[in-house]
């Protein structure tokens, strides 16, 4: 059984799956509505295809025929006519009318039921499952698929292996296009809300810039209570609340039983250290200076897995860990 004559039979599209043609058609309708000085009623048809047609107020319905907008060409096609014998449910506020179609257009059906639309009301028609559901109201929600040109964003990634004060472009950015899904709310014929709910099929390439987080300590100023100041060769200074003599080791994801997520649930990356939380509280910010002057950090204690006065430094590769080995160090707990 055909649901209607103007559309081809097919599977029902998800409610959130709207075509770009629907968007273009809707834009045309809203433009026409604005020029009329009042809101025209509107069909959004859900079914084998998504389409939009415009209705005038009921006073205009009897004066002219209304055509659908062909999604493929943007041109108007035949009037929307329901096949005879379809169960139809019309909902408006708390009222519900159940009837059967009579080989008639939706406009004619509403007229037969003596349903008078106000200038601010809109109509949504769901044509699926061999039945017709018509909802009338001053507010509707639909999902708008739009292909938009999107500028690339720049991601800055810390790299403590770079020389002090340097940065490099690891990936050149490139603008592209993205398919974005917006949830749109129409009220009284006007768009009052448009919220991005999904983005897919993007061709945007974000730029990736690595910057040095390496620091070099020029001198240490220590106070009697164990706190003090680290003076860096860059001229900057870091204050610390405590300094601990510890042993530094190194680890990387996927080796020695290490996973890929820290004890705090974050992704492992350079700048994470594993500690015994009884010695150094989790989330502490630290700077590790090994014997020989190598500096790691500033880093954050986000992981566990060691005991006592041992601090495990995360590195990107197993080779780096082997090269680092085991070293004495001073761990400065930064303020």
C-alpha atoms as a PDB file:
ATOM      1  CA  UNK A   1       0.000   0.000   0.000  1.00  0.00           C
ATOM      2  CA  UNK A   2       1.328   3.388  -0.961  1.00  0.00           C
ATOM      3  CA  UNK A   3       1.335   6.004   1.748  1.00  0.00           C
ATOM      4  CA  UNK A   4       1.169   8.853  -0.721  1.00  0.00           C
ATOM      5  CA  UNK A   5       1.561   9.437  -4.444  1.00  0.00           C
ATOM      6  CA  UNK A   6       4.193  12.166  -4.525  1.00  0.00           C
ATOM      7  CA  UNK A   7       7.044  10.326  -2.780  1.00  0.00           C
ATOM      8  CA  UNK A   8       8.814   7.131  -3.700  1.00  0.00           C
ATOM      9  CA  UNK A   9       8.487   4.171  -1.392  1.00  0.00           C
ATOM     10  CA  UNK A  10      11.516   3.417   0.810  1.00  0.00           C
ATOM     11  CA  UNK A  11      12.745   2.762   4.311  1.00  0.00           C
ATOM     12  CA  UNK A  12      12.143   5.301   6.999  1.00  0.00           C
ATOM     13  CA  UNK A  13      15.058   7.625   7.680  1.00  0.00           C
ATOM     14  CA  UNK A  14      16.079   8.232  11.322  1.00  0.00           C
ATOM     15  CA  UNK A  15      14.566  11.385  12.806  1.00  0.00           C
ATOM     16  CA  UNK A  16      17.996  12.939  13.204  1.00  0.00           C
ATOM     17  CA  UNK A  17      18.980  12.137   9.595  1.00  0.00           C
ATOM     18  CA  UNK A  18      18.009  15.185   7.543  1.00  0.00           C
ATOM     19  CA  UNK A  19      19.256  15.971   4.054  1.00  0.00           C
ATOM     20  CA  UNK A  20      20.940  19.134   2.896  1.00  0.00           C
ATOM     21  CA  UNK A  21      18.066  19.598   0.449  1.00  0.00           C
ATOM     22  CA  UNK A  22      15.632  19.737   3.359  1.00  0.00           C
ATOM     23  CA  UNK A  23      17.707  22.552   4.791  1.00  0.00           C
ATOM     24  CA  UNK A  24      17.652  24.472   1.534  1.00  0.00           C
ATOM     25  CA  UNK A  25      13.925  23.975   1.205  1.00  0.00           C
ATOM     26  CA  UNK A  26      13.320  25.110   4.756  1.00  0.00           C
ATOM     27  CA  UNK A  27      15.419  28.214   4.201  1.00  0.00           C
ATOM     28  CA  UNK A  28      13.261  29.025   1.168  1.00  0.00           C
ATOM     29  CA  UNK A  29      10.120  28.583   3.243  1.00  0.00           C
ATOM     30  CA  UNK A  30      11.290  30.765   6.091  1.00  0.00           C
ATOM     31  CA  UNK A  31      12.241  33.488   3.623  1.00  0.00           C
ATOM     32  CA  UNK A  32       8.794  33.340   2.062  1.00  0.00           C
ATOM     33  CA  UNK A  33       7.210  33.393   5.503  1.00  0.00           C
ATOM     34  CA  UNK A  34       9.088  36.530   6.517  1.00  0.00           C
ATOM     35  CA  UNK A  35       7.970  38.333   3.379  1.00  0.00           C
ATOM     36  CA  UNK A  36       4.303  37.480   4.124  1.00  0.00           C
ATOM     37  CA  UNK A  37       4.436  39.308   7.444  1.00  0.00           C
ATOM     38  CA  UNK A  38       3.166  36.319   9.416  1.00  0.00           C
ATOM     39  CA  UNK A  39       4.100  32.697   9.951  1.00  0.00           C
ATOM     40  CA  UNK A  40       2.912  30.220   7.368  1.00  0.00           C
ATOM     41  CA  UNK A  41       2.160  26.671   8.375  1.00  0.00           C
ATOM     42  CA  UNK A  42       4.829  24.147   7.514  1.00  0.00           C
ATOM     43  CA  UNK A  43       5.064  20.460   6.718  1.00  0.00           C
ATOM     44  CA  UNK A  44       8.127  18.478   7.640  1.00  0.00           C
ATOM     45  CA  UNK A  45       7.552  15.046   6.165  1.00  0.00           C
ATOM     46  CA  UNK A  46       9.277  12.042   7.754  1.00  0.00           C
ATOM     47  CA  UNK A  47       9.221   8.819   5.818  1.00  0.00           C
ATOM     48  CA  UNK A  48      10.838   7.327   2.766  1.00  0.00           C
ATOM     49  CA  UNK A  49      12.182  10.808   2.034  1.00  0.00           C
ATOM     50  CA  UNK A  50      12.377  14.014   4.045  1.00  0.00           C
ATOM     51  CA  UNK A  51      10.619  16.892   2.330  1.00  0.00           C
ATOM     52  CA  UNK A  52       9.116  20.251   3.127  1.00  0.00           C
ATOM     53  CA  UNK A  53       6.130  22.063   1.691  1.00  0.00           C
ATOM     54  CA  UNK A  54       4.576  25.355   2.715  1.00  0.00           C
ATOM     55  CA  UNK A  55       0.991  25.949   3.690  1.00  0.00           C
ATOM     56  CA  UNK A  56      -0.680  29.285   4.032  1.00  0.00           C
ATOM     57  CA  UNK A  57      -3.216  29.885   6.780  1.00  0.00           C
ATOM     58  CA  UNK A  58      -6.404  27.880   6.328  1.00  0.00           C
ATOM     59  CA  UNK A  59      -8.062  30.861   4.644  1.00  0.00           C
ATOM     60  CA  UNK A  60      -5.579  30.438   1.798  1.00  0.00           C
ATOM     61  CA  UNK A  61      -5.812  26.657   1.616  1.00  0.00           C
ATOM     62  CA  UNK A  62      -9.072  26.618  -0.296  1.00  0.00           C
ATOM     63  CA  UNK A  63      -7.802  29.228  -2.748  1.00  0.00           C
ATOM     64  CA  UNK A  64      -4.802  27.443  -4.214  1.00  0.00           C
ATOM     65  CA  UNK A  65      -3.094  24.094  -4.440  1.00  0.00           C
ATOM     66  CA  UNK A  66       0.212  23.373  -2.731  1.00  0.00           C
ATOM     67  CA  UNK A  67       3.072  21.389  -4.174  1.00  0.00           C
ATOM     68  CA  UNK A  68       5.945  19.506  -2.703  1.00  0.00           C
ATOM     69  CA  UNK A  69       9.547  20.517  -3.209  1.00  0.00           C
ATOM     70  CA  UNK A  70      11.515  17.873  -5.119  1.00  0.00           C
ATOM     71  CA  UNK A  71      14.664  17.122  -3.106  1.00  0.00           C
ATOM     72  CA  UNK A  72      16.792  16.315  -6.145  1.00  0.00           C
ATOM     73  CA  UNK A  73      15.964  19.368  -8.261  1.00  0.00           C
ATOM     74  CA  UNK A  74      14.489  21.910  -5.867  1.00  0.00           C
ATOM     75  CA  UNK A  75      11.489  22.204  -8.180  1.00  0.00           C
ATOM     76  CA  UNK A  76       7.866  21.730  -7.218  1.00  0.00           C
ATOM     77  CA  UNK A  77       6.180  18.406  -7.993  1.00  0.00           C
ATOM     78  CA  UNK A  78       2.640  17.024  -7.645  1.00  0.00           C
ATOM     79  CA  UNK A  79       0.432  17.798  -4.703  1.00  0.00           C
ATOM     80  CA  UNK A  80       0.861  15.546  -1.713  1.00  0.00           C
ATOM     81  CA  UNK A  81      -2.025  13.097  -1.815  1.00  0.00           C
ATOM     82  CA  UNK A  82      -2.590  10.334   0.706  1.00  0.00           C
ATOM     83  CA  UNK A  83      -3.816   6.954  -0.472  1.00  0.00           C
ATOM     84  CA  UNK A  84      -7.310   5.958   0.626  1.00  0.00           C
ATOM     85  CA  UNK A  85      -7.757   3.811   3.708  1.00  0.00           C
ATOM     86  CA  UNK A  86      -4.718   4.911   5.698  1.00  0.00           C
ATOM     87  CA  UNK A  87      -5.150   5.295   9.458  1.00  0.00           C
ATOM     88  CA  UNK A  88      -4.513   8.937  10.368  1.00  0.00           C
ATOM     89  CA  UNK A  89      -3.893  10.392  13.829  1.00  0.00           C
ATOM     90  CA  UNK A  90      -3.993  14.168  14.264  1.00  0.00           C
ATOM     91  CA  UNK A  91      -2.533  15.567  17.504  1.00  0.00           C
ATOM     92  CA  UNK A  92      -2.883  19.142  18.643  1.00  0.00           C
ATOM     93  CA  UNK A  93      -2.018  20.082  22.228  1.00  0.00           C
ATOM     94  CA  UNK A  94      -3.961  17.578  24.370  1.00  0.00           C
ATOM     95  CA  UNK A  95      -6.503  16.758  21.632  1.00  0.00           C
ATOM     96  CA  UNK A  96      -6.302  13.710  19.356  1.00  0.00           C
ATOM     97  CA  UNK A  97      -8.424  12.932  16.302  1.00  0.00           C
ATOM     98  CA  UNK A  98      -8.317   9.492  14.646  1.00  0.00           C
ATOM     99  CA  UNK A  99      -9.644   9.117  11.108  1.00  0.00           C
ATOM    100  CA  UNK A 100      -9.026   7.347   7.799  1.00  0.00           C
ATOM    101  CA  UNK A 101      -7.717   9.024   4.660  1.00  0.00           C
ATOM    102  CA  UNK A 102      -9.970   9.344   1.590  1.00  0.00           C
ATOM    103  CA  UNK A 103      -7.553   9.671  -1.332  1.00  0.00           C
ATOM    104  CA  UNK A 104      -6.958  13.299  -0.379  1.00  0.00           C
ATOM    105  CA  UNK A 105      -4.213  15.773   0.337  1.00  0.00           C
ATOM    106  CA  UNK A 106      -3.205  16.553   3.903  1.00  0.00           C
ATOM    107  CA  UNK A 107      -4.622  20.037   3.358  1.00  0.00           C
ATOM    108  CA  UNK A 108      -7.967  18.600   2.328  1.00  0.00           C
ATOM    109  CA  UNK A 109      -7.930  16.145   5.239  1.00  0.00           C
ATOM    110  CA  UNK A 110      -7.441  18.953   7.754  1.00  0.00           C
ATOM    111  CA  UNK A 111     -10.229  20.906   6.090  1.00  0.00           C
ATOM    112  CA  UNK A 112     -12.557  17.891   6.273  1.00  0.00           C
ATOM    113  CA  UNK A 113     -11.816  17.585   9.998  1.00  0.00           C
ATOM    114  CA  UNK A 114     -12.505  21.327  10.384  1.00  0.00           C
ATOM    115  CA  UNK A 115      -9.046  21.883  11.813  1.00  0.00           C
ATOM    116  CA  UNK A 116      -8.320  25.600  11.583  1.00  0.00           C
ATOM    117  CA  UNK A 117      -4.645  26.564  11.754  1.00  0.00           C
ATOM    118  CA  UNK A 118      -3.623  29.809  13.385  1.00  0.00           C
ATOM    119  CA  UNK A 119      -1.025  31.942  11.558  1.00  0.00           C
ATOM    120  CA  UNK A 120       1.639  30.818  14.048  1.00  0.00           C
ATOM    121  CA  UNK A 121       1.024  27.081  13.915  1.00  0.00           C
ATOM    122  CA  UNK A 122       3.093  24.569  11.989  1.00  0.00           C
ATOM    123  CA  UNK A 123       2.358  21.017  10.922  1.00  0.00           C
ATOM    124  CA  UNK A 124       4.657  18.001  11.035  1.00  0.00           C
ATOM    125  CA  UNK A 125       3.643  14.901   9.133  1.00  0.00           C
ATOM    126  CA  UNK A 126       5.173  11.506   9.855  1.00  0.00           C
ATOM    127  CA  UNK A 127       4.515   9.106   6.978  1.00  0.00           C
ATOM    128  CA  UNK A 128       5.673   5.670   7.997  1.00  0.00           C
ATOM    129  CA  UNK A 129       4.575   2.201   9.024  1.00  0.00           C
ATOM    130  CA  UNK A 130       1.527   2.386   6.761  1.00  0.00           C
ATOM    131  CA  UNK A 131      -0.027   5.120   8.849  1.00  0.00           C
ATOM    132  CA  UNK A 132       0.013   8.898   9.044  1.00  0.00           C
ATOM    133  CA  UNK A 133       0.700  10.926  12.174  1.00  0.00           C
ATOM    134  CA  UNK A 134       0.024  14.652  11.992  1.00  0.00           C
ATOM    135  CA  UNK A 135       1.139  16.962  14.775  1.00  0.00           C
ATOM    136  CA  UNK A 136       0.089  20.601  14.952  1.00  0.00           C
ATOM    137  CA  UNK A 137       1.789  23.113  17.208  1.00  0.00           C
ATOM    138  CA  UNK A 138       3.516  26.442  17.536  1.00  0.00           C
ATOM    139  CA  UNK A 139       6.885  24.784  18.234  1.00  0.00           C
ATOM    140  CA  UNK A 140       8.667  21.972  16.410  1.00  0.00           C
ATOM    141  CA  UNK A 141      12.142  20.441  16.573  1.00  0.00           C
ATOM    142  CA  UNK A 142      14.031  19.079  13.575  1.00  0.00           C
ATOM    143  CA  UNK A 143      17.631  18.087  12.766  1.00  0.00           C
ATOM    144  CA  UNK A 144      19.451  20.042  10.112  1.00  0.00           C
ATOM    145  CA  UNK A 145      22.363  18.471   8.193  1.00  0.00           C
ATOM    146  CA  UNK A 146      24.660  21.200   6.881  1.00  0.00           C
ATOM    147  CA  UNK A 147      27.945  20.944   5.015  1.00  0.00           C
ATOM    148  CA  UNK A 148      30.073  23.871   6.157  1.00  0.00           C
ATOM    149  CA  UNK A 149      33.543  25.212   5.463  1.00  0.00           C
ATOM    150  CA  UNK A 150      35.501  24.883   8.701  1.00  0.00           C
ATOM    151  CA  UNK A 151      38.858  26.538   9.475  1.00  0.00           C
ATOM    152  CA  UNK A 152      41.562  24.387  11.004  1.00  0.00           C
ATOM    153  CA  UNK A 153      42.530  24.699  14.640  1.00  0.00           C
ATOM    154  CA  UNK A 154      46.039  24.697  16.091  1.00  0.00           C
ATOM    155  CA  UNK A 155      46.922  22.076  18.679  1.00  0.00           C
ATOM    156  CA  UNK A 156      49.928  22.817  20.852  1.00  0.00           C
ATOM    157  CA  UNK A 157      51.688  19.730  22.163  1.00  0.00           C
ATOM    158  CA  UNK A 158      54.443  19.869  24.807  1.00  0.00           C
ATOM    159  CA  UNK A 159      57.737  18.202  23.913  1.00  0.00           C
ATOM    160  CA  UNK A 160      60.379  18.243  26.652  1.00  0.00           C
ATOM    161  CA  UNK A 161      62.963  16.834  24.214  1.00  0.00           C
ATOM    162  CA  UNK A 162      63.092  20.066  22.197  1.00  0.00           C
ATOM    163  CA  UNK A 163      65.751  22.658  23.027  1.00  0.00           C
ATOM    164  CA  UNK A 164      64.690  25.320  25.507  1.00  0.00           C
ATOM    165  CA  UNK A 165      62.459  28.004  23.972  1.00  0.00           C
ATOM    166  CA  UNK A 166      61.892  26.292  20.601  1.00  0.00           C
ATOM    167  CA  UNK A 167      58.816  24.986  18.805  1.00  0.00           C
ATOM    168  CA  UNK A 168      58.227  23.148  15.517  1.00  0.00           C
ATOM    169  CA  UNK A 169      55.230  22.566  13.236  1.00  0.00           C
ATOM    170  CA  UNK A 170      54.700  18.811  13.088  1.00  0.00           C
ATOM    171  CA  UNK A 171      51.594  18.968  10.901  1.00  0.00           C
ATOM    172  CA  UNK A 172      50.538  21.827   8.638  1.00  0.00           C
ATOM    173  CA  UNK A 173      46.903  22.874   9.096  1.00  0.00           C
ATOM    174  CA  UNK A 174      44.400  22.877   6.250  1.00  0.00           C
ATOM    175  CA  UNK A 175      40.841  24.232   6.105  1.00  0.00           C
ATOM    176  CA  UNK A 176      38.177  21.769   5.007  1.00  0.00           C
ATOM    177  CA  UNK A 177      34.482  20.955   5.098  1.00  0.00           C
ATOM    178  CA  UNK A 178      32.474  19.116   7.736  1.00  0.00           C
ATOM    179  CA  UNK A 179      28.975  17.677   7.869  1.00  0.00           C
ATOM    180  CA  UNK A 180      27.364  19.117  10.947  1.00  0.00           C
ATOM    181  CA  UNK A 181      24.025  18.208  12.498  1.00  0.00           C
ATOM    182  CA  UNK A 182      22.144  20.980  14.279  1.00  0.00           C
ATOM    183  CA  UNK A 183      19.093  20.557  16.480  1.00  0.00           C
ATOM    184  CA  UNK A 184      16.809  23.396  15.427  1.00  0.00           C
ATOM    185  CA  UNK A 185      13.766  24.627  17.324  1.00  0.00           C
ATOM    186  CA  UNK A 186      11.115  26.596  15.447  1.00  0.00           C
ATOM    187  CA  UNK A 187       8.579  28.528  17.474  1.00  0.00           C
ATOM    188  CA  UNK A 188       5.772  30.581  15.962  1.00  0.00           C
ATOM    189  CA  UNK A 189       7.404  30.104  12.575  1.00  0.00           C
ATOM    190  CA  UNK A 190      10.751  31.515  13.665  1.00  0.00           C
ATOM    191  CA  UNK A 191      14.016  29.760  14.508  1.00  0.00           C
ATOM    192  CA  UNK A 192      14.721  30.323  18.211  1.00  0.00           C
ATOM    193  CA  UNK A 193      17.477  27.777  18.815  1.00  0.00           C
ATOM    194  CA  UNK A 194      20.175  26.045  16.787  1.00  0.00           C
ATOM    195  CA  UNK A 195      22.611  23.767  18.637  1.00  0.00           C
ATOM    196  CA  UNK A 196      25.417  21.654  17.196  1.00  0.00           C
ATOM    197  CA  UNK A 197      24.861  18.018  18.234  1.00  0.00           C
ATOM    198  CA  UNK A 198      27.110  16.053  15.880  1.00  0.00           C
ATOM    199  CA  UNK A 199      29.987  16.533  13.456  1.00  0.00           C
ATOM    200  CA  UNK A 200      31.206  13.965  10.936  1.00  0.00           C
ATOM    201  CA  UNK A 201      32.891  13.464   7.567  1.00  0.00           C
ATOM    202  CA  UNK A 202      35.337  16.270   8.171  1.00  0.00           C
ATOM    203  CA  UNK A 203      38.221  17.020   5.813  1.00  0.00           C
ATOM    204  CA  UNK A 204      39.783  19.573   8.165  1.00  0.00           C
ATOM    205  CA  UNK A 205      43.433  18.947   9.047  1.00  0.00           C
ATOM    206  CA  UNK A 206      44.386  20.588  12.310  1.00  0.00           C
ATOM    207  CA  UNK A 207      47.805  22.114  12.683  1.00  0.00           C
ATOM    208  CA  UNK A 208      50.025  20.483  15.305  1.00  0.00           C
ATOM    209  CA  UNK A 209      52.756  22.554  16.903  1.00  0.00           C
ATOM    210  CA  UNK A 210      55.202  21.005  19.356  1.00  0.00           C
ATOM    211  CA  UNK A 211      56.767  23.364  21.846  1.00  0.00           C
ATOM    212  CA  UNK A 212      59.591  22.878  24.271  1.00  0.00           C
ATOM    213  CA  UNK A 213      58.847  22.395  27.937  1.00  0.00           C
ATOM    214  CA  UNK A 214      62.458  21.664  28.738  1.00  0.00           C
ATOM    215  CA  UNK A 215      63.926  23.760  31.533  1.00  0.00           C
ATOM    216  CA  UNK A 216      67.455  24.241  32.759  1.00  0.00           C
ATOM    217  CA  UNK A 217      68.158  25.047  36.374  1.00  0.00           C
ATOM    218  CA  UNK A 218      70.767  27.751  36.928  1.00  0.00           C
ATOM    219  CA  UNK A 219      70.673  27.752  40.739  1.00  0.00           C
ATOM    220  CA  UNK A 220      68.657  26.642  43.730  1.00  0.00           C
ATOM    221  CA  UNK A 221      67.772  28.887  46.656  1.00  0.00           C
ATOM    222  CA  UNK A 222      66.881  26.753  49.693  1.00  0.00           C
ATOM    223  CA  UNK A 223      65.159  27.941  52.880  1.00  0.00           C
ATOM    224  CA  UNK A 224      65.444  26.412  56.340  1.00  0.00           C
ATOM    225  CA  UNK A 225      61.947  24.899  56.205  1.00  0.00           C
ATOM    226  CA  UNK A 226      62.804  22.925  53.050  1.00  0.00           C
ATOM    227  CA  UNK A 227      61.026  25.244  50.647  1.00  0.00           C
ATOM    228  CA  UNK A 228      62.820  27.425  48.156  1.00  0.00           C
ATOM    229  CA  UNK A 229      63.153  28.795  44.639  1.00  0.00           C
ATOM    230  CA  UNK A 230      64.526  27.263  41.438  1.00  0.00           C
ATOM    231  CA  UNK A 231      66.157  29.894  39.228  1.00  0.00           C
ATOM    232  CA  UNK A 232      66.080  28.832  35.577  1.00  0.00           C
ATOM    233  CA  UNK A 233      68.499  29.765  32.795  1.00  0.00           C
ATOM    234  CA  UNK A 234      65.550  31.352  30.975  1.00  0.00           C
ATOM    235  CA  UNK A 235      65.301  33.910  33.774  1.00  0.00           C
ATOM    236  CA  UNK A 236      62.087  32.410  35.132  1.00  0.00           C
ATOM    237  CA  UNK A 237      61.772  31.100  38.672  1.00  0.00           C
ATOM    238  CA  UNK A 238      59.777  28.240  40.198  1.00  0.00           C
ATOM    239  CA  UNK A 239      58.956  28.052  43.887  1.00  0.00           C
ATOM    240  CA  UNK A 240      58.784  24.726  45.678  1.00  0.00           C
ATOM    241  CA  UNK A 241      57.426  23.621  49.051  1.00  0.00           C
ATOM    242  CA  UNK A 242      59.702  20.623  49.541  1.00  0.00           C
ATOM    243  CA  UNK A 243      62.653  18.809  47.995  1.00  0.00           C
ATOM    244  CA  UNK A 244      63.043  15.031  48.253  1.00  0.00           C
ATOM    245  CA  UNK A 245      66.075  12.850  47.503  1.00  0.00           C
ATOM    246  CA  UNK A 246      64.683   9.935  45.465  1.00  0.00           C
ATOM    247  CA  UNK A 247      65.506   7.354  42.821  1.00  0.00           C
ATOM    248  CA  UNK A 248      64.210   7.967  39.297  1.00  0.00           C
ATOM    249  CA  UNK A 249      63.257   5.196  36.870  1.00  0.00           C
ATOM    250  CA  UNK A 250      61.411   5.340  33.559  1.00  0.00           C
ATOM    251  CA  UNK A 251      58.451   3.530  32.027  1.00  0.00           C
ATOM    252  CA  UNK A 252      56.356   3.559  28.858  1.00  0.00           C
ATOM    253  CA  UNK A 253      52.933   2.259  27.854  1.00  0.00           C
ATOM    254  CA  UNK A 254      52.690  -1.392  26.888  1.00  0.00           C
ATOM    255  CA  UNK A 255      55.888  -2.523  28.631  1.00  0.00           C
ATOM    256  CA  UNK A 256      56.546  -3.977  32.038  1.00  0.00           C
ATOM    257  CA  UNK A 257      52.850  -4.316  32.813  1.00  0.00           C
ATOM    258  CA  UNK A 258      52.090  -0.644  32.149  1.00  0.00           C
ATOM    259  CA  UNK A 259      48.804   0.119  30.451  1.00  0.00           C
ATOM    260  CA  UNK A 260      47.798   3.275  28.613  1.00  0.00           C
ATOM    261  CA  UNK A 261      45.706   5.037  31.267  1.00  0.00           C
ATOM    262  CA  UNK A 262      46.976   6.620  34.483  1.00  0.00           C
ATOM    263  CA  UNK A 263      45.634   5.971  37.968  1.00  0.00           C
ATOM    264  CA  UNK A 264      43.663   9.212  37.604  1.00  0.00           C
ATOM    265  CA  UNK A 265      42.054   7.986  34.383  1.00  0.00           C
ATOM    266  CA  UNK A 266      43.999  10.259  32.028  1.00  0.00           C
ATOM    267  CA  UNK A 267      45.981   9.180  28.970  1.00  0.00           C
ATOM    268  CA  UNK A 268      49.650   8.486  29.538  1.00  0.00           C
ATOM    269  CA  UNK A 269      51.917  11.132  28.028  1.00  0.00           C
ATOM    270  CA  UNK A 270      55.274  12.779  28.571  1.00  0.00           C
ATOM    271  CA  UNK A 271      54.952  14.923  31.671  1.00  0.00           C
ATOM    272  CA  UNK A 272      53.301  12.201  33.774  1.00  0.00           C
ATOM    273  CA  UNK A 273      55.126  10.593  36.683  1.00  0.00           C
ATOM    274  CA  UNK A 274      54.201   7.587  38.785  1.00  0.00           C
ATOM    275  CA  UNK A 275      54.630   7.887  42.544  1.00  0.00           C
ATOM    276  CA  UNK A 276      53.861   6.238  45.842  1.00  0.00           C
ATOM    277  CA  UNK A 277      50.952   8.444  46.898  1.00  0.00           C
ATOM    278  CA  UNK A 278      52.018   8.044  50.533  1.00  0.00           C
ATOM    279  CA  UNK A 279      55.254   9.841  49.632  1.00  0.00           C
ATOM    280  CA  UNK A 280      54.021  12.302  46.988  1.00  0.00           C
ATOM    281  CA  UNK A 281      50.276  13.004  46.763  1.00  0.00           C
ATOM    282  CA  UNK A 282      48.590  12.441  43.422  1.00  0.00           C
ATOM    283  CA  UNK A 283      48.080  15.589  41.340  1.00  0.00           C
ATOM    284  CA  UNK A 284      51.251  17.139  42.796  1.00  0.00           C
ATOM    285  CA  UNK A 285      53.250  19.210  40.342  1.00  0.00           C
ATOM    286  CA  UNK A 286      56.943  18.287  40.411  1.00  0.00           C
ATOM    287  CA  UNK A 287      60.271  19.012  38.800  1.00  0.00           C
ATOM    288  CA  UNK A 288      62.791  16.165  38.733  1.00  0.00           C
ATOM    289  CA  UNK A 289      66.514  16.959  38.515  1.00  0.00           C
ATOM    290  CA  UNK A 290      68.704  13.863  38.175  1.00  0.00           C
ATOM    291  CA  UNK A 291      72.365  13.517  39.000  1.00  0.00           C
ATOM    292  CA  UNK A 292      74.194  14.827  35.979  1.00  0.00           C
ATOM    293  CA  UNK A 293      71.751  17.727  35.570  1.00  0.00           C
ATOM    294  CA  UNK A 294      68.966  16.166  33.450  1.00  0.00           C
ATOM    295  CA  UNK A 295      65.652  17.879  34.156  1.00  0.00           C
ATOM    296  CA  UNK A 296      62.239  16.234  33.729  1.00  0.00           C
ATOM    297  CA  UNK A 297      59.170  18.388  34.066  1.00  0.00           C
ATOM    298  CA  UNK A 298      57.418  20.326  35.289  1.00  0.00           C
ATOM    299  CA  UNK A 299      55.383  17.138  35.519  1.00  0.00           C
ATOM    300  CA  UNK A 300      52.272  15.958  37.345  1.00  0.00           C
ATOM    301  CA  UNK A 301      51.935  12.923  39.610  1.00  0.00           C
ATOM    302  CA  UNK A 302      49.021  11.211  37.881  1.00  0.00           C
ATOM    303  CA  UNK A 303      50.054   7.561  38.134  1.00  0.00           C
ATOM    304  CA  UNK A 304      50.995   4.964  40.742  1.00  0.00           C
ATOM    305  CA  UNK A 305      52.796   1.620  40.738  1.00  0.00           C
ATOM    306  CA  UNK A 306      55.990   2.332  42.663  1.00  0.00           C
ATOM    307  CA  UNK A 307      56.773   2.134  46.367  1.00  0.00           C
ATOM    308  CA  UNK A 308      58.763   4.351  48.681  1.00  0.00           C
ATOM    309  CA  UNK A 309      61.206   6.989  47.516  1.00  0.00           C
ATOM    310  CA  UNK A 310      61.005   6.051  43.823  1.00  0.00           C
ATOM    311  CA  UNK A 311      59.579   8.197  41.040  1.00  0.00           C
ATOM    312  CA  UNK A 312      58.829   6.700  37.616  1.00  0.00           C
ATOM    313  CA  UNK A 313      59.087   9.101  34.656  1.00  0.00           C
ATOM    314  CA  UNK A 314      56.909   8.442  31.613  1.00  0.00           C
ATOM    315  CA  UNK A 315      58.762   8.360  28.276  1.00  0.00           C
ATOM    316  CA  UNK A 316      57.542   7.803  24.741  1.00  0.00           C
ATOM    317  CA  UNK A 317      59.576   4.699  23.892  1.00  0.00           C
ATOM    318  CA  UNK A 318      61.090   1.634  25.480  1.00  0.00           C
ATOM    319  CA  UNK A 319      64.510   2.631  24.063  1.00  0.00           C
ATOM    320  CA  UNK A 320      64.394   5.934  25.970  1.00  0.00           C
ATOM    321  CA  UNK A 321      63.534   4.053  29.165  1.00  0.00           C
ATOM    322  CA  UNK A 322      66.448   1.637  28.732  1.00  0.00           C
ATOM    323  CA  UNK A 323      68.811   4.503  28.017  1.00  0.00           C
ATOM    324  CA  UNK A 324      67.636   6.354  31.112  1.00  0.00           C
ATOM    325  CA  UNK A 325      68.007   3.380  33.415  1.00  0.00           C
ATOM    326  CA  UNK A 326      67.989   4.179  37.137  1.00  0.00           C
ATOM    327  CA  UNK A 327      69.338   7.431  38.540  1.00  0.00           C
ATOM    328  CA  UNK A 328      69.482   9.351  41.781  1.00  0.00           C
ATOM    329  CA  UNK A 329      67.513  12.592  41.700  1.00  0.00           C
ATOM    330  CA  UNK A 330      66.004  15.441  43.628  1.00  0.00           C
ATOM    331  CA  UNK A 331      62.260  15.873  43.314  1.00  0.00           C
ATOM    332  CA  UNK A 332      61.023  19.404  43.897  1.00  0.00           C
ATOM    333  CA  UNK A 333      57.351  19.652  44.887  1.00  0.00           C
ATOM    334  CA  UNK A 334      56.262  22.800  43.088  1.00  0.00           C
ATOM    335  CA  UNK A 335      53.765  25.271  44.458  1.00  0.00           C
END
